[in-house]
Amino acid sequence: MTRTLLLILIFYLLSGCTTLYKPSTSIAIYDFGTQEYSQNESQSLNSKSKSILIADAAAPLWLDNTTIQYRLLYHNSTQTYTYTNSRWKAPPATLLARKIRDRIVSNSNEQVVKNSSTAKTDYILHLELEEFIQAFDTMNESHVAIGLRASLIERNSRTIFAQKDFAVTAKTPTADAVGAVWAFGSAANQLINELMDWLTTKLPSQ
Protein backbone atom coordinates (compact mmCIF):
# COMPACT_ATOMS: atom_id res chain seq x y z
CA MET A 1 0.00 0.00 0.00
CA THR A 2 1.45 3.35 -1.02
CA ARG A 3 1.97 6.20 1.43
CA THR A 4 -0.77 8.25 -0.26
CA LEU A 5 -3.39 5.50 0.04
CA LEU A 6 -2.43 4.94 3.67
CA LEU A 7 -2.94 8.63 4.47
CA ILE A 8 -6.34 8.60 2.72
CA LEU A 9 -7.41 5.53 4.71
CA ILE A 10 -6.36 7.12 8.00
CA PHE A 11 -8.26 10.31 7.07
CA TYR A 12 -11.51 8.41 6.41
CA LEU A 13 -11.16 6.39 9.59
CA LEU A 14 -10.71 9.55 11.64
CA SER A 15 -13.65 11.17 9.88
CA GLY A 16 -15.81 8.16 10.66
CA CYS A 17 -14.90 8.27 14.33
CA THR A 18 -15.68 11.98 14.50
CA THR A 19 -19.08 11.40 12.96
CA LEU A 20 -19.78 8.40 15.17
CA TYR A 21 -19.13 10.23 18.42
CA LYS A 22 -20.64 13.59 17.43
CA PRO A 23 -23.09 14.57 20.19
CA SER A 24 -26.73 14.82 19.12
CA THR A 25 -28.96 17.76 20.06
CA SER A 26 -32.25 16.31 21.29
CA ILE A 27 -35.41 18.35 21.71
CA ALA A 28 -37.37 18.07 24.97
CA ILE A 29 -41.14 17.71 24.45
CA TYR A 30 -43.56 18.90 27.16
CA ASP A 31 -47.24 18.96 28.06
CA PHE A 32 -49.16 19.90 31.23
CA GLY A 33 -48.88 16.45 32.78
CA THR A 34 -51.73 15.02 34.86
CA GLN A 35 -53.71 16.28 37.82
CA GLU A 36 -55.89 14.52 40.39
CA TYR A 37 -59.15 16.16 41.40
CA SER A 38 -60.66 16.22 44.85
CA GLN A 39 -64.14 14.96 45.68
CA ASN A 40 -65.39 18.50 46.17
CA GLU A 41 -64.20 19.51 42.71
CA SER A 42 -65.82 16.50 41.07
CA GLN A 43 -69.21 17.43 42.54
CA SER A 44 -69.31 21.11 41.54
CA LEU A 45 -71.28 20.72 38.29
CA ASN A 46 -73.32 17.63 39.13
CA SER A 47 -76.40 19.74 39.94
CA LYS A 48 -76.49 21.04 36.36
CA SER A 49 -78.60 19.31 33.77
CA LYS A 50 -77.54 21.27 30.67
CA SER A 51 -75.21 19.65 28.15
CA ILE A 52 -72.13 21.45 26.82
CA LEU A 53 -70.08 21.06 23.67
CA ILE A 54 -66.44 21.98 24.33
CA ALA A 55 -65.15 23.48 21.11
CA ASP A 56 -61.47 23.35 20.16
CA ALA A 57 -59.73 26.50 21.38
CA ALA A 58 -58.85 29.21 18.90
CA ALA A 59 -55.52 31.05 18.98
CA PRO A 60 -53.75 33.82 17.05
CA LEU A 61 -51.19 32.78 14.46
CA TRP A 62 -48.24 33.58 16.72
CA LEU A 63 -49.53 31.05 19.27
CA ASP A 64 -50.64 28.40 16.81
CA ASN A 65 -47.43 26.35 17.01
CA THR A 66 -45.48 24.20 19.46
CA THR A 67 -42.71 26.64 20.41
CA ILE A 68 -42.21 27.79 23.99
CA GLN A 69 -42.07 31.57 23.71
CA TYR A 70 -40.66 34.21 26.03
CA ARG A 71 -39.98 37.94 26.33
CA LEU A 72 -37.10 39.82 27.96
CA LEU A 73 -38.98 42.59 29.75
CA TYR A 74 -35.76 44.08 31.08
CA HIS A 75 -34.32 44.33 27.55
CA ASN A 76 -37.08 44.71 24.93
CA SER A 77 -40.65 43.84 25.88
CA THR A 78 -41.87 44.12 22.28
CA GLN A 79 -39.75 41.21 20.99
CA THR A 80 -40.47 37.50 21.47
CA TYR A 81 -38.01 34.62 21.48
CA THR A 82 -38.31 30.83 21.39
CA TYR A 83 -36.33 28.04 23.05
CA THR A 84 -34.25 26.04 20.59
CA ASN A 85 -34.32 22.62 22.25
CA SER A 86 -37.71 22.70 24.01
CA ARG A 87 -41.17 22.30 22.48
CA TRP A 88 -44.78 21.70 23.47
CA LYS A 89 -46.30 18.36 22.52
CA ALA A 90 -49.09 20.27 20.75
CA PRO A 91 -49.98 23.96 20.36
CA PRO A 92 -50.81 25.53 23.75
CA ALA A 93 -54.46 26.13 22.76
CA THR A 94 -54.87 22.42 22.04
CA LEU A 95 -53.25 21.36 25.32
CA LEU A 96 -55.29 23.83 27.36
CA ALA A 97 -58.61 22.94 25.68
CA ARG A 98 -57.94 19.25 26.30
CA LYS A 99 -57.19 19.91 29.97
CA ILE A 100 -60.35 22.02 30.33
CA ARG A 101 -62.43 19.36 28.63
CA ASP A 102 -61.04 16.63 30.88
CA ARG A 103 -61.81 18.66 34.00
CA ILE A 104 -65.38 19.47 32.93
CA VAL A 105 -65.99 15.86 31.94
CA SER A 106 -64.86 14.71 35.38
CA ASN A 107 -67.20 17.25 37.00
CA SER A 108 -70.33 16.74 34.94
CA ASN A 109 -70.47 13.03 34.09
CA GLU A 110 -72.23 12.53 30.73
CA GLN A 111 -73.17 16.17 30.09
CA VAL A 112 -70.12 17.10 28.03
CA VAL A 113 -69.83 16.43 24.30
CA LYS A 114 -66.58 16.47 22.36
CA ASN A 115 -66.24 18.78 19.41
CA SER A 116 -66.25 15.89 16.92
CA SER A 117 -69.62 14.56 18.12
CA THR A 118 -72.84 15.07 16.17
CA ALA A 119 -75.01 14.99 19.31
CA LYS A 120 -77.08 18.08 20.05
CA THR A 121 -76.19 20.10 23.13
CA ASP A 122 -77.70 23.05 24.98
CA TYR A 123 -74.55 25.16 25.08
CA ILE A 124 -71.21 25.58 23.32
CA LEU A 125 -68.17 26.64 25.33
CA HIS A 126 -65.97 28.62 22.94
CA LEU A 127 -62.38 29.24 24.05
CA GLU A 128 -59.95 31.84 22.68
CA LEU A 129 -56.35 31.75 23.87
CA GLU A 130 -55.05 35.32 23.84
CA GLU A 131 -51.78 35.13 25.79
CA PHE A 132 -49.42 32.30 26.63
CA ILE A 133 -45.87 33.40 27.25
CA GLN A 134 -42.97 33.43 29.69
CA ALA A 135 -41.71 36.88 30.69
CA PHE A 136 -38.27 37.54 32.14
CA ASP A 137 -38.37 40.41 34.64
CA THR A 138 -34.60 40.08 35.10
CA MET A 139 -32.00 37.63 33.81
CA ASN A 140 -32.68 35.31 36.76
CA GLU A 141 -36.39 35.85 37.47
CA SER A 142 -39.39 35.15 35.27
CA HIS A 143 -43.10 34.42 35.32
CA VAL A 144 -45.67 33.05 32.88
CA ALA A 145 -48.94 34.62 31.79
CA ILE A 146 -52.05 32.98 30.31
CA GLY A 147 -54.95 34.96 28.86
CA LEU A 148 -58.17 33.21 27.84
CA ARG A 149 -61.62 34.40 26.74
CA ALA A 150 -64.48 31.99 27.41
CA SER A 151 -67.86 32.39 25.73
CA LEU A 152 -70.89 30.32 26.68
CA ILE A 153 -73.16 30.23 23.63
CA GLU A 154 -76.75 28.99 23.42
CA ARG A 155 -76.66 26.49 20.60
CA ASN A 156 -80.21 26.99 19.32
CA SER A 157 -80.15 30.78 19.13
CA ARG A 158 -76.37 31.06 18.57
CA THR A 159 -76.31 33.99 21.01
CA ILE A 160 -73.70 34.58 23.70
CA PHE A 161 -75.25 33.60 27.02
CA ALA A 162 -72.21 34.62 29.10
CA GLN A 163 -68.63 35.68 28.44
CA LYS A 164 -65.55 36.34 30.56
CA ASP A 165 -61.84 37.08 30.15
CA PHE A 166 -59.45 35.15 32.38
CA ALA A 167 -55.88 36.24 33.10
CA VAL A 168 -53.53 34.34 35.41
CA THR A 169 -49.81 34.47 36.14
CA ALA A 170 -47.40 32.18 37.95
CA LYS A 171 -43.79 32.63 38.98
CA THR A 172 -41.30 30.16 37.54
CA PRO A 173 -39.15 28.17 39.98
CA THR A 174 -36.24 28.48 37.55
CA ALA A 175 -35.67 31.04 34.80
CA ASP A 176 -35.56 28.56 31.92
CA ALA A 177 -37.79 26.31 29.78
CA VAL A 178 -38.22 23.69 32.52
CA GLY A 179 -39.32 26.34 34.99
CA ALA A 180 -41.69 27.81 32.41
CA VAL A 181 -43.36 24.44 31.79
CA TRP A 182 -43.91 23.93 35.52
CA ALA A 183 -45.35 27.43 35.93
CA PHE A 184 -47.61 27.05 32.89
CA GLY A 185 -49.05 23.88 34.42
CA SER A 186 -49.71 25.68 37.71
CA ALA A 187 -51.24 28.70 35.96
CA ALA A 188 -53.43 26.45 33.79
CA ASN A 189 -54.80 24.72 36.91
CA GLN A 190 -55.60 28.09 38.49
CA LEU A 191 -57.30 29.30 35.31
CA ILE A 192 -59.40 26.13 35.06
CA ASN A 193 -60.47 26.48 38.70
CA GLU A 194 -61.69 30.00 37.96
CA LEU A 195 -63.40 28.81 34.78
CA MET A 196 -65.19 26.04 36.69
CA ASP A 197 -66.42 28.51 39.31
CA TRP A 198 -67.70 30.75 36.52
CA LEU A 199 -69.51 27.89 34.77
CA THR A 200 -71.06 26.81 38.05
CA THR A 201 -72.65 30.23 38.48
CA LYS A 202 -73.63 30.75 34.82
CA LEU A 203 -75.08 27.37 33.82
CA PRO A 204 -78.81 27.09 34.62
CA SER A 205 -79.77 24.50 37.20
CA GLN A 206 -82.09 21.66 36.32
C-alpha atoms as a PDB file:
ATOM      1  CA  MET A   1       0.000   0.000   0.000  1.00  0.00           C
ATOM      2  CA  THR A   2       1.453   3.352  -1.017  1.00  0.00           C
ATOM      3  CA  ARG A   3       1.975   6.196   1.432  1.00  0.00           C
ATOM      4  CA  THR A   4      -0.774   8.249  -0.264  1.00  0.00           C
ATOM      5  CA  LEU A   5      -3.386   5.499   0.041  1.00  0.00           C
ATOM      6  CA  LEU A   6      -2.433   4.943   3.668  1.00  0.00           C
ATOM      7  CA  LEU A   7      -2.943   8.634   4.468  1.00  0.00           C
ATOM      8  CA  ILE A   8      -6.338   8.602   2.717  1.00  0.00           C
ATOM      9  CA  LEU A   9      -7.406   5.530   4.709  1.00  0.00           C
ATOM     10  CA  ILE A  10      -6.364   7.125   7.996  1.00  0.00           C
ATOM     11  CA  PHE A  11      -8.256  10.310   7.065  1.00  0.00           C
ATOM     12  CA  TYR A  12     -11.509   8.414   6.412  1.00  0.00           C
ATOM     13  CA  LEU A  13     -11.164   6.393   9.592  1.00  0.00           C
ATOM     14  CA  LEU A  14     -10.709   9.547  11.636  1.00  0.00           C
ATOM     15  CA  SER A  15     -13.653  11.173   9.877  1.00  0.00           C
ATOM     16  CA  GLY A  16     -15.812   8.157  10.664  1.00  0.00           C
ATOM     17  CA  CYS A  17     -14.895   8.267  14.330  1.00  0.00           C
ATOM     18  CA  THR A  18     -15.676  11.978  14.501  1.00  0.00           C
ATOM     19  CA  THR A  19     -19.080  11.397  12.958  1.00  0.00           C
ATOM     20  CA  LEU A  20     -19.784   8.397  15.168  1.00  0.00           C
ATOM     21  CA  TYR A  21     -19.125  10.232  18.417  1.00  0.00           C
ATOM     22  CA  LYS A  22     -20.640  13.589  17.433  1.00  0.00           C
ATOM     23  CA  PRO A  23     -23.087  14.571  20.188  1.00  0.00           C
ATOM     24  CA  SER A  24     -26.731  14.821  19.119  1.00  0.00           C
ATOM     25  CA  THR A  25     -28.958  17.764  20.055  1.00  0.00           C
ATOM     26  CA  SER A  26     -32.245  16.312  21.291  1.00  0.00           C
ATOM     27  CA  ILE A  27     -35.410  18.345  21.708  1.00  0.00           C
ATOM     28  CA  ALA A  28     -37.375  18.072  24.966  1.00  0.00           C
ATOM     29  CA  ILE A  29     -41.142  17.706  24.445  1.00  0.00           C
ATOM     30  CA  TYR A  30     -43.561  18.902  27.162  1.00  0.00           C
ATOM     31  CA  ASP A  31     -47.243  18.960  28.055  1.00  0.00           C
ATOM     32  CA  PHE A  32     -49.158  19.897  31.230  1.00  0.00           C
ATOM     33  CA  GLY A  33     -48.882  16.448  32.782  1.00  0.00           C
ATOM     34  CA  THR A  34     -51.730  15.016  34.858  1.00  0.00           C
ATOM     35  CA  GLN A  35     -53.708  16.276  37.824  1.00  0.00           C
ATOM     36  CA  GLU A  36     -55.892  14.523  40.394  1.00  0.00           C
ATOM     37  CA  TYR A  37     -59.154  16.160  41.403  1.00  0.00           C
ATOM     38  CA  SER A  38     -60.661  16.216  44.849  1.00  0.00           C
ATOM     39  CA  GLN A  39     -64.144  14.956  45.683  1.00  0.00           C
ATOM     40  CA  ASN A  40     -65.389  18.500  46.173  1.00  0.00           C
ATOM     41  CA  GLU A  41     -64.202  19.513  42.712  1.00  0.00           C
ATOM     42  CA  SER A  42     -65.823  16.504  41.066  1.00  0.00           C
ATOM     43  CA  GLN A  43     -69.214  17.428  42.538  1.00  0.00           C
ATOM     44  CA  SER A  44     -69.310  21.106  41.544  1.00  0.00           C
ATOM     45  CA  LEU A  45     -71.281  20.717  38.289  1.00  0.00           C
ATOM     46  CA  ASN A  46     -73.324  17.632  39.128  1.00  0.00           C
ATOM     47  CA  SER A  47     -76.398  19.739  39.942  1.00  0.00           C
ATOM     48  CA  LYS A  48     -76.491  21.042  36.359  1.00  0.00           C
ATOM     49  CA  SER A  49     -78.604  19.315  33.766  1.00  0.00           C
ATOM     50  CA  LYS A  50     -77.538  21.271  30.668  1.00  0.00           C
ATOM     51  CA  SER A  51     -75.212  19.646  28.146  1.00  0.00           C
ATOM     52  CA  ILE A  52     -72.132  21.448  26.820  1.00  0.00           C
ATOM     53  CA  LEU A  53     -70.079  21.064  23.674  1.00  0.00           C
ATOM     54  CA  ILE A  54     -66.442  21.980  24.329  1.00  0.00           C
ATOM     55  CA  ALA A  55     -65.149  23.480  21.107  1.00  0.00           C
ATOM     56  CA  ASP A  56     -61.474  23.348  20.164  1.00  0.00           C
ATOM     57  CA  ALA A  57     -59.728  26.498  21.378  1.00  0.00           C
ATOM     58  CA  ALA A  58     -58.851  29.207  18.895  1.00  0.00           C
ATOM     59  CA  ALA A  59     -55.517  31.052  18.983  1.00  0.00           C
ATOM     60  CA  PRO A  60     -53.755  33.822  17.049  1.00  0.00           C
ATOM     61  CA  LEU A  61     -51.187  32.781  14.461  1.00  0.00           C
ATOM     62  CA  TRP A  62     -48.245  33.580  16.718  1.00  0.00           C
ATOM     63  CA  LEU A  63     -49.532  31.051  19.274  1.00  0.00           C
ATOM     64  CA  ASP A  64     -50.635  28.399  16.807  1.00  0.00           C
ATOM     65  CA  ASN A  65     -47.429  26.350  17.007  1.00  0.00           C
ATOM     66  CA  THR A  66     -45.477  24.200  19.459  1.00  0.00           C
ATOM     67  CA  THR A  67     -42.711  26.640  20.405  1.00  0.00           C
ATOM     68  CA  ILE A  68     -42.206  27.788  23.994  1.00  0.00           C
ATOM     69  CA  GLN A  69     -42.067  31.565  23.714  1.00  0.00           C
ATOM     70  CA  TYR A  70     -40.663  34.210  26.033  1.00  0.00           C
ATOM     71  CA  ARG A  71     -39.982  37.937  26.333  1.00  0.00           C
ATOM     72  CA  LEU A  72     -37.104  39.818  27.962  1.00  0.00           C
ATOM     73  CA  LEU A  73     -38.976  42.594  29.747  1.00  0.00           C
ATOM     74  CA  TYR A  74     -35.758  44.084  31.077  1.00  0.00           C
ATOM     75  CA  HIS A  75     -34.324  44.325  27.554  1.00  0.00           C
ATOM     76  CA  ASN A  76     -37.081  44.710  24.928  1.00  0.00           C
ATOM     77  CA  SER A  77     -40.649  43.843  25.881  1.00  0.00           C
ATOM     78  CA  THR A  78     -41.873  44.117  22.279  1.00  0.00           C
ATOM     79  CA  GLN A  79     -39.754  41.210  20.986  1.00  0.00           C
ATOM     80  CA  THR A  80     -40.465  37.505  21.470  1.00  0.00           C
ATOM     81  CA  TYR A  81     -38.011  34.618  21.481  1.00  0.00           C
ATOM     82  CA  THR A  82     -38.308  30.830  21.386  1.00  0.00           C
ATOM     83  CA  TYR A  83     -36.325  28.043  23.048  1.00  0.00           C
ATOM     84  CA  THR A  84     -34.245  26.043  20.588  1.00  0.00           C
ATOM     85  CA  ASN A  85     -34.323  22.621  22.253  1.00  0.00           C
ATOM     86  CA  SER A  86     -37.713  22.703  24.014  1.00  0.00           C
ATOM     87  CA  ARG A  87     -41.167  22.302  22.483  1.00  0.00           C
ATOM     88  CA  TRP A  88     -44.782  21.699  23.465  1.00  0.00           C
ATOM     89  CA  LYS A  89     -46.301  18.361  22.516  1.00  0.00           C
ATOM     90  CA  ALA A  90     -49.087  20.270  20.752  1.00  0.00           C
ATOM     91  CA  PRO A  91     -49.979  23.962  20.363  1.00  0.00           C
ATOM     92  CA  PRO A  92     -50.814  25.533  23.749  1.00  0.00           C
ATOM     93  CA  ALA A  93     -54.462  26.130  22.761  1.00  0.00           C
ATOM     94  CA  THR A  94     -54.871  22.418  22.038  1.00  0.00           C
ATOM     95  CA  LEU A  95     -53.251  21.365  25.319  1.00  0.00           C
ATOM     96  CA  LEU A  96     -55.287  23.833  27.363  1.00  0.00           C
ATOM     97  CA  ALA A  97     -58.606  22.943  25.684  1.00  0.00           C
ATOM     98  CA  ARG A  98     -57.937  19.253  26.304  1.00  0.00           C
ATOM     99  CA  LYS A  99     -57.194  19.913  29.973  1.00  0.00           C
ATOM    100  CA  ILE A 100     -60.353  22.018  30.334  1.00  0.00           C
ATOM    101  CA  ARG A 101     -62.431  19.357  28.625  1.00  0.00           C
ATOM    102  CA  ASP A 102     -61.041  16.625  30.884  1.00  0.00           C
ATOM    103  CA  ARG A 103     -61.810  18.660  34.000  1.00  0.00           C
ATOM    104  CA  ILE A 104     -65.378  19.466  32.934  1.00  0.00           C
ATOM    105  CA  VAL A 105     -65.989  15.863  31.936  1.00  0.00           C
ATOM    106  CA  SER A 106     -64.859  14.713  35.376  1.00  0.00           C
ATOM    107  CA  ASN A 107     -67.195  17.250  36.999  1.00  0.00           C
ATOM    108  CA  SER A 108     -70.332  16.742  34.940  1.00  0.00           C
ATOM    109  CA  ASN A 109     -70.469  13.026  34.088  1.00  0.00           C
ATOM    110  CA  GLU A 110     -72.230  12.526  30.727  1.00  0.00           C
ATOM    111  CA  GLN A 111     -73.168  16.165  30.089  1.00  0.00           C
ATOM    112  CA  VAL A 112     -70.122  17.102  28.027  1.00  0.00           C
ATOM    113  CA  VAL A 113     -69.831  16.427  24.303  1.00  0.00           C
ATOM    114  CA  LYS A 114     -66.583  16.468  22.363  1.00  0.00           C
ATOM    115  CA  ASN A 115     -66.245  18.782  19.412  1.00  0.00           C
ATOM    116  CA  SER A 116     -66.251  15.891  16.925  1.00  0.00           C
ATOM    117  CA  SER A 117     -69.618  14.557  18.123  1.00  0.00           C
ATOM    118  CA  THR A 118     -72.844  15.065  16.173  1.00  0.00           C
ATOM    119  CA  ALA A 119     -75.009  14.990  19.305  1.00  0.00           C
ATOM    120  CA  LYS A 120     -77.077  18.077  20.049  1.00  0.00           C
ATOM    121  CA  THR A 121     -76.189  20.099  23.135  1.00  0.00           C
ATOM    122  CA  ASP A 122     -77.701  23.052  24.980  1.00  0.00           C
ATOM    123  CA  TYR A 123     -74.548  25.164  25.084  1.00  0.00           C
ATOM    124  CA  ILE A 124     -71.208  25.578  23.321  1.00  0.00           C
ATOM    125  CA  LEU A 125     -68.170  26.642  25.333  1.00  0.00           C
ATOM    126  CA  HIS A 126     -65.974  28.622  22.936  1.00  0.00           C
ATOM    127  CA  LEU A 127     -62.382  29.240  24.052  1.00  0.00           C
ATOM    128  CA  GLU A 128     -59.954  31.837  22.675  1.00  0.00           C
ATOM    129  CA  LEU A 129     -56.350  31.749  23.874  1.00  0.00           C
ATOM    130  CA  GLU A 130     -55.047  35.325  23.840  1.00  0.00           C
ATOM    131  CA  GLU A 131     -51.784  35.126  25.794  1.00  0.00           C
ATOM    132  CA  PHE A 132     -49.419  32.297  26.627  1.00  0.00           C
ATOM    133  CA  ILE A 133     -45.873  33.399  27.248  1.00  0.00           C
ATOM    134  CA  GLN A 134     -42.972  33.434  29.692  1.00  0.00           C
ATOM    135  CA  ALA A 135     -41.708  36.884  30.686  1.00  0.00           C
ATOM    136  CA  PHE A 136     -38.267  37.544  32.142  1.00  0.00           C
ATOM    137  CA  ASP A 137     -38.365  40.408  34.638  1.00  0.00           C
ATOM    138  CA  THR A 138     -34.597  40.081  35.096  1.00  0.00           C
ATOM    139  CA  MET A 139     -32.000  37.629  33.808  1.00  0.00           C
ATOM    140  CA  ASN A 140     -32.683  35.310  36.762  1.00  0.00           C
ATOM    141  CA  GLU A 141     -36.389  35.850  37.473  1.00  0.00           C
ATOM    142  CA  SER A 142     -39.385  35.148  35.271  1.00  0.00           C
ATOM    143  CA  HIS A 143     -43.100  34.421  35.316  1.00  0.00           C
ATOM    144  CA  VAL A 144     -45.668  33.046  32.879  1.00  0.00           C
ATOM    145  CA  ALA A 145     -48.938  34.617  31.790  1.00  0.00           C
ATOM    146  CA  ILE A 146     -52.047  32.984  30.310  1.00  0.00           C
ATOM    147  CA  GLY A 147     -54.947  34.962  28.864  1.00  0.00           C
ATOM    148  CA  LEU A 148     -58.172  33.215  27.838  1.00  0.00           C
ATOM    149  CA  ARG A 149     -61.624  34.400  26.735  1.00  0.00           C
ATOM    150  CA  ALA A 150     -64.477  31.990  27.407  1.00  0.00           C
ATOM    151  CA  SER A 151     -67.860  32.390  25.728  1.00  0.00           C
ATOM    152  CA  LEU A 152     -70.885  30.316  26.682  1.00  0.00           C
ATOM    153  CA  ILE A 153     -73.164  30.225  23.634  1.00  0.00           C
ATOM    154  CA  GLU A 154     -76.754  28.989  23.424  1.00  0.00           C
ATOM    155  CA  ARG A 155     -76.663  26.494  20.605  1.00  0.00           C
ATOM    156  CA  ASN A 156     -80.211  26.990  19.324  1.00  0.00           C
ATOM    157  CA  SER A 157     -80.152  30.780  19.134  1.00  0.00           C
ATOM    158  CA  ARG A 158     -76.368  31.063  18.570  1.00  0.00           C
ATOM    159  CA  THR A 159     -76.307  33.988  21.008  1.00  0.00           C
ATOM    160  CA  ILE A 160     -73.704  34.584  23.700  1.00  0.00           C
ATOM    161  CA  PHE A 161     -75.247  33.603  27.020  1.00  0.00           C
ATOM    162  CA  ALA A 162     -72.205  34.622  29.104  1.00  0.00           C
ATOM    163  CA  GLN A 163     -68.628  35.685  28.443  1.00  0.00           C
ATOM    164  CA  LYS A 164     -65.553  36.338  30.562  1.00  0.00           C
ATOM    165  CA  ASP A 165     -61.844  37.082  30.146  1.00  0.00           C
ATOM    166  CA  PHE A 166     -59.452  35.146  32.379  1.00  0.00           C
ATOM    167  CA  ALA A 167     -55.882  36.236  33.101  1.00  0.00           C
ATOM    168  CA  VAL A 168     -53.526  34.341  35.406  1.00  0.00           C
ATOM    169  CA  THR A 169     -49.813  34.472  36.138  1.00  0.00           C
ATOM    170  CA  ALA A 170     -47.398  32.183  37.948  1.00  0.00           C
ATOM    171  CA  LYS A 171     -43.792  32.626  38.980  1.00  0.00           C
ATOM    172  CA  THR A 172     -41.304  30.156  37.539  1.00  0.00           C
ATOM    173  CA  PRO A 173     -39.146  28.172  39.985  1.00  0.00           C
ATOM    174  CA  THR A 174     -36.245  28.481  37.551  1.00  0.00           C
ATOM    175  CA  ALA A 175     -35.666  31.039  34.797  1.00  0.00           C
ATOM    176  CA  ASP A 176     -35.563  28.564  31.917  1.00  0.00           C
ATOM    177  CA  ALA A 177     -37.789  26.311  29.779  1.00  0.00           C
ATOM    178  CA  VAL A 178     -38.216  23.692  32.519  1.00  0.00           C
ATOM    179  CA  GLY A 179     -39.319  26.340  34.993  1.00  0.00           C
ATOM    180  CA  ALA A 180     -41.690  27.810  32.412  1.00  0.00           C
ATOM    181  CA  VAL A 181     -43.363  24.444  31.795  1.00  0.00           C
ATOM    182  CA  TRP A 182     -43.909  23.927  35.524  1.00  0.00           C
ATOM    183  CA  ALA A 183     -45.346  27.429  35.933  1.00  0.00           C
ATOM    184  CA  PHE A 184     -47.615  27.045  32.889  1.00  0.00           C
ATOM    185  CA  GLY A 185     -49.052  23.880  34.421  1.00  0.00           C
ATOM    186  CA  SER A 186     -49.706  25.678  37.714  1.00  0.00           C
ATOM    187  CA  ALA A 187     -51.242  28.702  35.963  1.00  0.00           C
ATOM    188  CA  ALA A 188     -53.428  26.454  33.794  1.00  0.00           C
ATOM    189  CA  ASN A 189     -54.797  24.722  36.908  1.00  0.00           C
ATOM    190  CA  GLN A 190     -55.598  28.087  38.494  1.00  0.00           C
ATOM    191  CA  LEU A 191     -57.303  29.300  35.313  1.00  0.00           C
ATOM    192  CA  ILE A 192     -59.399  26.132  35.061  1.00  0.00           C
ATOM    193  CA  ASN A 193     -60.468  26.476  38.703  1.00  0.00           C
ATOM    194  CA  GLU A 194     -61.689  30.002  37.963  1.00  0.00           C
ATOM    195  CA  LEU A 195     -63.398  28.808  34.784  1.00  0.00           C
ATOM    196  CA  MET A 196     -65.187  26.037  36.690  1.00  0.00           C
ATOM    197  CA  ASP A 197     -66.417  28.515  39.314  1.00  0.00           C
ATOM    198  CA  TRP A 198     -67.698  30.754  36.520  1.00  0.00           C
ATOM    199  CA  LEU A 199     -69.507  27.889  34.771  1.00  0.00           C
ATOM    200  CA  THR A 200     -71.059  26.813  38.050  1.00  0.00           C
ATOM    201  CA  THR A 201     -72.652  30.228  38.476  1.00  0.00           C
ATOM    202  CA  LYS A 202     -73.628  30.748  34.823  1.00  0.00           C
ATOM    203  CA  LEU A 203     -75.076  27.367  33.820  1.00  0.00           C
ATOM    204  CA  PRO A 204     -78.811  27.094  34.615  1.00  0.00           C
ATOM    205  CA  SER A 205     -79.774  24.496  37.198  1.00  0.00           C
ATOM    206  CA  GLN A 206     -82.091  21.659  36.324  1.00  0.00           C
END
